[in-house]
Amino acid sequence: FGHVLAVDGDPNPNLARALGLTHDDWPLLPPSIMAFDEIDGKRVARLSQPLEEILAAHAVPGPDGVRLIALGEVDAPGKGCLCSRHAIVREIVGAAIEQANEPIVVDMEASLEHMRRGTVKHVDTLLVVTEPYYRALESAGRLVRLAKEMGLTGIYGVANKVRSSAEEEVIRNYFAVLEIPLIAVIPFDDSVTASDNAGISALDHNPEAPSMIAVRQLAQTLFA
């Protein structure tokens, strides 16, 4: 698929390892890349320098033409919120889409905080990944509602860790009620657990594993 910019927007970051990088391979984005203006009495965030300068200084090359930048992590308890970090991700995504130089994929935290902060307001495709049990589906439903209220239109469902046709049917029916297309079903795969325990990217560990085949098909669907 050519070059892809991967943004780890999770304050508990682990996208690097999924890509085949180690924690020591990548720096965290410094708050200094963000600036704020006062417009009509409101504090408005913007990038303090052009996106390409930020990427040149902070993006880490990974395998398969991927470049990674990371939001940051919670380094101490009781030290406020991650509002500015969410603003950084939001503005980087907006700038990347505006330039349209390469596809950008953002891995967000497994919560609704990025919806409340509007972190994903610029995305053109939102993948709602859920697993086949009620609490996960309930969370997916809340996320879809917030995404629609934000005005996002390219919202799609992805079923993950599916063990049977019955589990797939549960998720498929739930997304049908939400009026969201289910565009991928990723099967439960022990190969993913094995690769994680070995500290190896799942794609490198076993590229022909059923889950990896399904992920590649999902990527082809998105890029098509």
Protein backbone atom coordinates (compact mmCIF):
# COMPACT_ATOMS: atom_id res chain seq x y z
CA PHE A 1 0.00 0.00 0.00
CA GLY A 2 3.00 2.35 -0.20
CA HIS A 3 3.88 4.66 2.68
CA VAL A 4 1.60 4.91 5.71
CA LEU A 5 1.78 7.25 8.69
CA ALA A 6 0.82 5.43 11.91
CA VAL A 7 -0.13 7.54 14.94
CA ASP A 8 -0.29 5.92 18.36
CA GLY A 9 -2.91 8.04 20.08
CA ASP A 10 -3.22 5.80 23.13
CA PRO A 11 -1.77 7.17 26.41
CA ASN A 12 -0.88 3.53 27.10
CA PRO A 13 1.07 3.16 23.84
CA ASN A 14 1.89 -0.23 22.30
CA LEU A 15 1.43 0.27 18.56
CA ALA A 16 5.22 0.22 18.11
CA ARG A 17 5.46 -3.41 19.14
CA ALA A 18 2.55 -4.34 16.89
CA LEU A 19 4.54 -2.84 14.02
CA GLY A 20 7.70 -4.76 14.96
CA LEU A 21 9.49 -1.94 16.80
CA THR A 22 10.66 -1.97 20.40
CA HIS A 23 9.87 0.68 23.00
CA ASP A 24 13.41 2.08 22.72
CA ASP A 25 13.02 2.65 18.98
CA TRP A 26 10.70 5.64 19.17
CA PRO A 27 10.55 9.00 20.99
CA LEU A 28 7.35 10.54 22.31
CA LEU A 29 6.03 13.74 20.79
CA PRO A 30 7.02 16.77 22.90
CA PRO A 31 4.30 19.24 23.93
CA SER A 32 6.35 21.99 22.23
CA ILE A 33 5.03 20.98 18.80
CA MET A 34 1.70 22.51 19.88
CA ALA A 35 0.83 26.21 19.99
CA PHE A 36 -2.35 27.94 21.07
CA ASP A 37 -4.11 31.06 19.77
CA GLU A 38 -6.87 33.12 21.35
CA ILE A 39 -9.76 33.42 18.88
CA ASP A 40 -13.01 35.03 19.97
CA GLY A 41 -12.08 34.43 23.57
CA LYS A 42 -11.39 30.72 23.01
CA ARG A 43 -8.06 28.89 23.19
CA VAL A 44 -7.55 27.22 19.82
CA ALA A 45 -4.81 24.63 19.25
CA ARG A 46 -2.54 24.48 16.21
CA LEU A 47 0.76 22.84 15.24
CA SER A 48 3.74 25.07 16.00
CA GLN A 49 5.59 23.98 12.85
CA PRO A 50 4.79 22.32 9.51
CA LEU A 51 3.80 18.67 9.73
CA GLU A 52 6.72 17.47 7.61
CA GLU A 53 9.17 19.12 10.03
CA ILE A 54 7.48 17.36 12.93
CA LEU A 55 7.64 14.02 11.12
CA ALA A 56 11.28 14.54 10.13
CA ALA A 57 12.20 15.17 13.77
CA HIS A 58 9.97 12.67 15.56
CA ALA A 59 8.63 9.97 13.21
CA VAL A 60 10.33 6.59 13.37
CA PRO A 61 10.61 4.42 10.27
CA GLY A 62 9.16 0.94 10.63
CA PRO A 63 8.83 -2.05 8.32
CA ASP A 64 6.71 -2.07 5.16
CA GLY A 65 6.93 1.68 4.53
CA VAL A 66 5.29 2.69 7.83
CA ARG A 67 6.31 5.77 9.82
CA LEU A 68 5.28 5.91 13.49
CA ILE A 69 4.68 8.84 15.81
CA ALA A 70 3.42 8.41 19.37
CA LEU A 71 1.18 10.62 21.45
CA GLY A 72 2.85 9.92 24.78
CA GLU A 73 2.18 7.98 27.92
CA VAL A 74 1.01 8.58 31.47
CA ASP A 75 4.32 8.93 33.31
CA ALA A 76 3.06 9.79 36.80
CA PRO A 77 -0.19 9.65 38.78
CA GLY A 78 -2.22 12.71 39.73
CA LYS A 79 -0.71 15.03 37.12
CA GLY A 80 -3.73 16.40 35.31
CA CYS A 81 -5.27 15.43 31.98
CA LEU A 82 -4.05 14.60 28.49
CA CYS A 83 -6.05 17.38 26.80
CA SER A 84 -3.06 18.84 24.97
CA ARG A 85 -2.00 15.41 23.72
CA HIS A 86 -5.44 14.81 22.25
CA ALA A 87 -5.20 18.22 20.57
CA ILE A 88 -1.83 17.25 19.09
CA VAL A 89 -3.24 14.08 17.53
CA ARG A 90 -6.31 15.94 16.23
CA GLU A 91 -4.20 18.61 14.51
CA ILE A 92 -1.70 16.12 13.10
CA VAL A 93 -4.53 14.10 11.56
CA GLY A 94 -6.10 17.25 10.15
CA ALA A 95 -2.81 18.40 8.63
CA ALA A 96 -2.04 14.96 7.19
CA ILE A 97 -5.45 14.67 5.57
CA GLU A 98 -5.20 18.20 4.17
CA GLN A 99 -1.83 17.43 2.57
CA ALA A 100 -3.01 13.99 1.39
CA ASN A 101 0.58 12.82 0.97
CA GLU A 102 0.01 9.38 2.47
CA PRO A 103 -2.65 7.35 4.25
CA ILE A 104 -2.77 7.88 8.02
CA VAL A 105 -3.90 5.30 10.57
CA VAL A 106 -4.59 6.31 14.18
CA ASP A 107 -4.75 3.84 17.05
CA MET A 108 -6.91 5.36 19.79
CA GLU A 109 -7.43 4.30 23.40
CA ALA A 110 -10.15 1.80 24.28
CA SER A 111 -12.42 4.45 25.80
CA LEU A 112 -14.69 7.29 24.72
CA GLU A 113 -12.26 10.05 25.73
CA HIS A 114 -11.10 10.64 22.15
CA MET A 115 -14.71 11.22 21.19
CA ARG A 116 -15.27 13.73 23.99
CA ARG A 117 -12.09 15.58 23.00
CA GLY A 118 -12.94 15.52 19.30
CA THR A 119 -9.61 13.83 18.58
CA VAL A 120 -11.01 12.00 15.55
CA LYS A 121 -13.01 14.91 14.10
CA HIS A 122 -10.90 15.02 10.90
CA VAL A 123 -10.88 11.31 10.03
CA ASP A 124 -12.70 10.13 6.93
CA THR A 125 -13.01 6.51 8.11
CA LEU A 126 -13.68 5.39 11.68
CA LEU A 127 -13.31 1.68 12.43
CA VAL A 128 -15.30 0.59 15.48
CA VAL A 129 -13.61 -2.61 16.64
CA THR A 130 -15.58 -4.81 19.00
CA GLU A 131 -15.54 -8.30 20.44
CA PRO A 132 -18.46 -10.73 20.74
CA TYR A 133 -19.66 -10.02 24.24
CA TYR A 134 -22.30 -7.63 25.54
CA ARG A 135 -20.18 -4.99 27.28
CA ALA A 136 -17.96 -4.60 24.24
CA LEU A 137 -20.99 -4.23 21.98
CA GLU A 138 -22.54 -1.72 24.37
CA SER A 139 -19.35 0.37 24.25
CA ALA A 140 -19.36 0.17 20.45
CA GLY A 141 -22.92 1.46 20.39
CA ARG A 142 -22.01 4.47 22.54
CA LEU A 143 -19.03 5.24 20.32
CA VAL A 144 -21.14 5.05 17.15
CA ARG A 145 -23.70 7.44 18.63
CA LEU A 146 -21.01 9.99 19.52
CA ALA A 147 -19.35 9.63 16.12
CA LYS A 148 -22.63 10.35 14.35
CA GLU A 149 -23.25 13.36 16.59
CA MET A 150 -19.76 14.60 15.66
CA GLY A 151 -20.81 14.45 12.01
CA LEU A 152 -18.61 11.53 10.93
CA THR A 153 -20.05 9.54 8.05
CA GLY A 154 -17.46 6.87 7.21
CA ILE A 155 -18.19 4.65 10.21
CA TYR A 156 -17.64 0.90 9.86
CA GLY A 157 -17.69 -2.06 12.20
CA VAL A 158 -14.94 -4.65 12.67
CA ALA A 159 -15.59 -7.87 14.58
CA ASN A 160 -12.50 -9.06 16.47
CA LYS A 161 -11.55 -12.33 18.20
CA VAL A 162 -14.50 -14.18 16.70
CA ARG A 163 -14.59 -17.90 17.52
CA SER A 164 -17.76 -19.08 15.74
CA SER A 165 -20.41 -18.22 13.20
CA ALA A 166 -22.81 -17.63 16.09
CA GLU A 167 -20.52 -14.96 17.56
CA GLU A 168 -20.16 -13.35 14.15
CA GLU A 169 -23.94 -13.27 13.78
CA VAL A 170 -24.36 -11.54 17.14
CA ILE A 171 -21.99 -8.75 16.11
CA ARG A 172 -23.42 -8.52 12.59
CA ASN A 173 -26.95 -8.13 13.94
CA TYR A 174 -25.85 -5.51 16.49
CA PHE A 175 -24.18 -3.35 13.84
CA ALA A 176 -27.23 -3.76 11.61
CA VAL A 177 -29.34 -2.20 14.36
CA LEU A 178 -26.81 0.66 14.55
CA GLU A 179 -27.03 0.97 10.74
CA ILE A 180 -23.27 0.52 10.47
CA PRO A 181 -21.74 -1.85 7.87
CA LEU A 182 -19.62 -4.69 9.23
CA ILE A 183 -16.66 -4.78 6.84
CA ALA A 184 -14.32 -7.29 8.50
CA VAL A 185 -14.41 -10.33 10.75
CA ILE A 186 -11.09 -11.10 12.46
CA PRO A 187 -11.05 -14.64 13.88
CA PHE A 188 -9.64 -15.51 17.30
CA ASP A 189 -6.12 -16.68 16.61
CA ASP A 190 -3.61 -18.24 19.02
CA SER A 191 -0.87 -17.07 16.68
CA VAL A 192 -1.46 -13.48 17.82
CA THR A 193 -0.96 -14.46 21.46
CA ALA A 194 2.18 -16.39 20.56
CA SER A 195 3.64 -13.46 18.65
CA ASP A 196 2.89 -11.07 21.51
CA ASN A 197 4.54 -13.36 24.05
CA ALA A 198 7.58 -13.57 21.76
CA GLY A 199 7.72 -9.80 21.36
CA ILE A 200 7.31 -10.10 17.58
CA SER A 201 4.85 -8.37 15.28
CA ALA A 202 1.97 -10.71 14.45
CA LEU A 203 2.54 -10.02 10.74
CA ASP A 204 6.18 -11.07 11.05
CA HIS A 205 5.47 -14.04 13.29
CA ASN A 206 3.01 -15.73 10.95
CA PRO A 207 1.86 -13.67 7.96
CA GLU A 208 -0.42 -16.49 6.78
CA ALA A 209 -2.26 -16.86 10.09
CA PRO A 210 -6.07 -16.56 9.68
CA SER A 211 -6.17 -13.28 11.60
CA MET A 212 -3.44 -11.74 9.46
CA ILE A 213 -5.18 -12.79 6.24
CA ALA A 214 -8.36 -11.10 7.52
CA VAL A 215 -6.42 -7.93 8.43
CA ARG A 216 -4.88 -7.77 4.95
CA GLN A 217 -8.33 -8.17 3.41
CA LEU A 218 -9.57 -5.30 5.61
CA ALA A 219 -6.70 -3.11 4.42
CA GLN A 220 -7.49 -3.94 0.79
CA THR A 221 -11.13 -3.03 1.38
CA LEU A 222 -10.19 0.33 2.89
CA PHE A 223 -7.68 1.24 0.20
CA ALA A 224 -10.04 0.17 -2.55
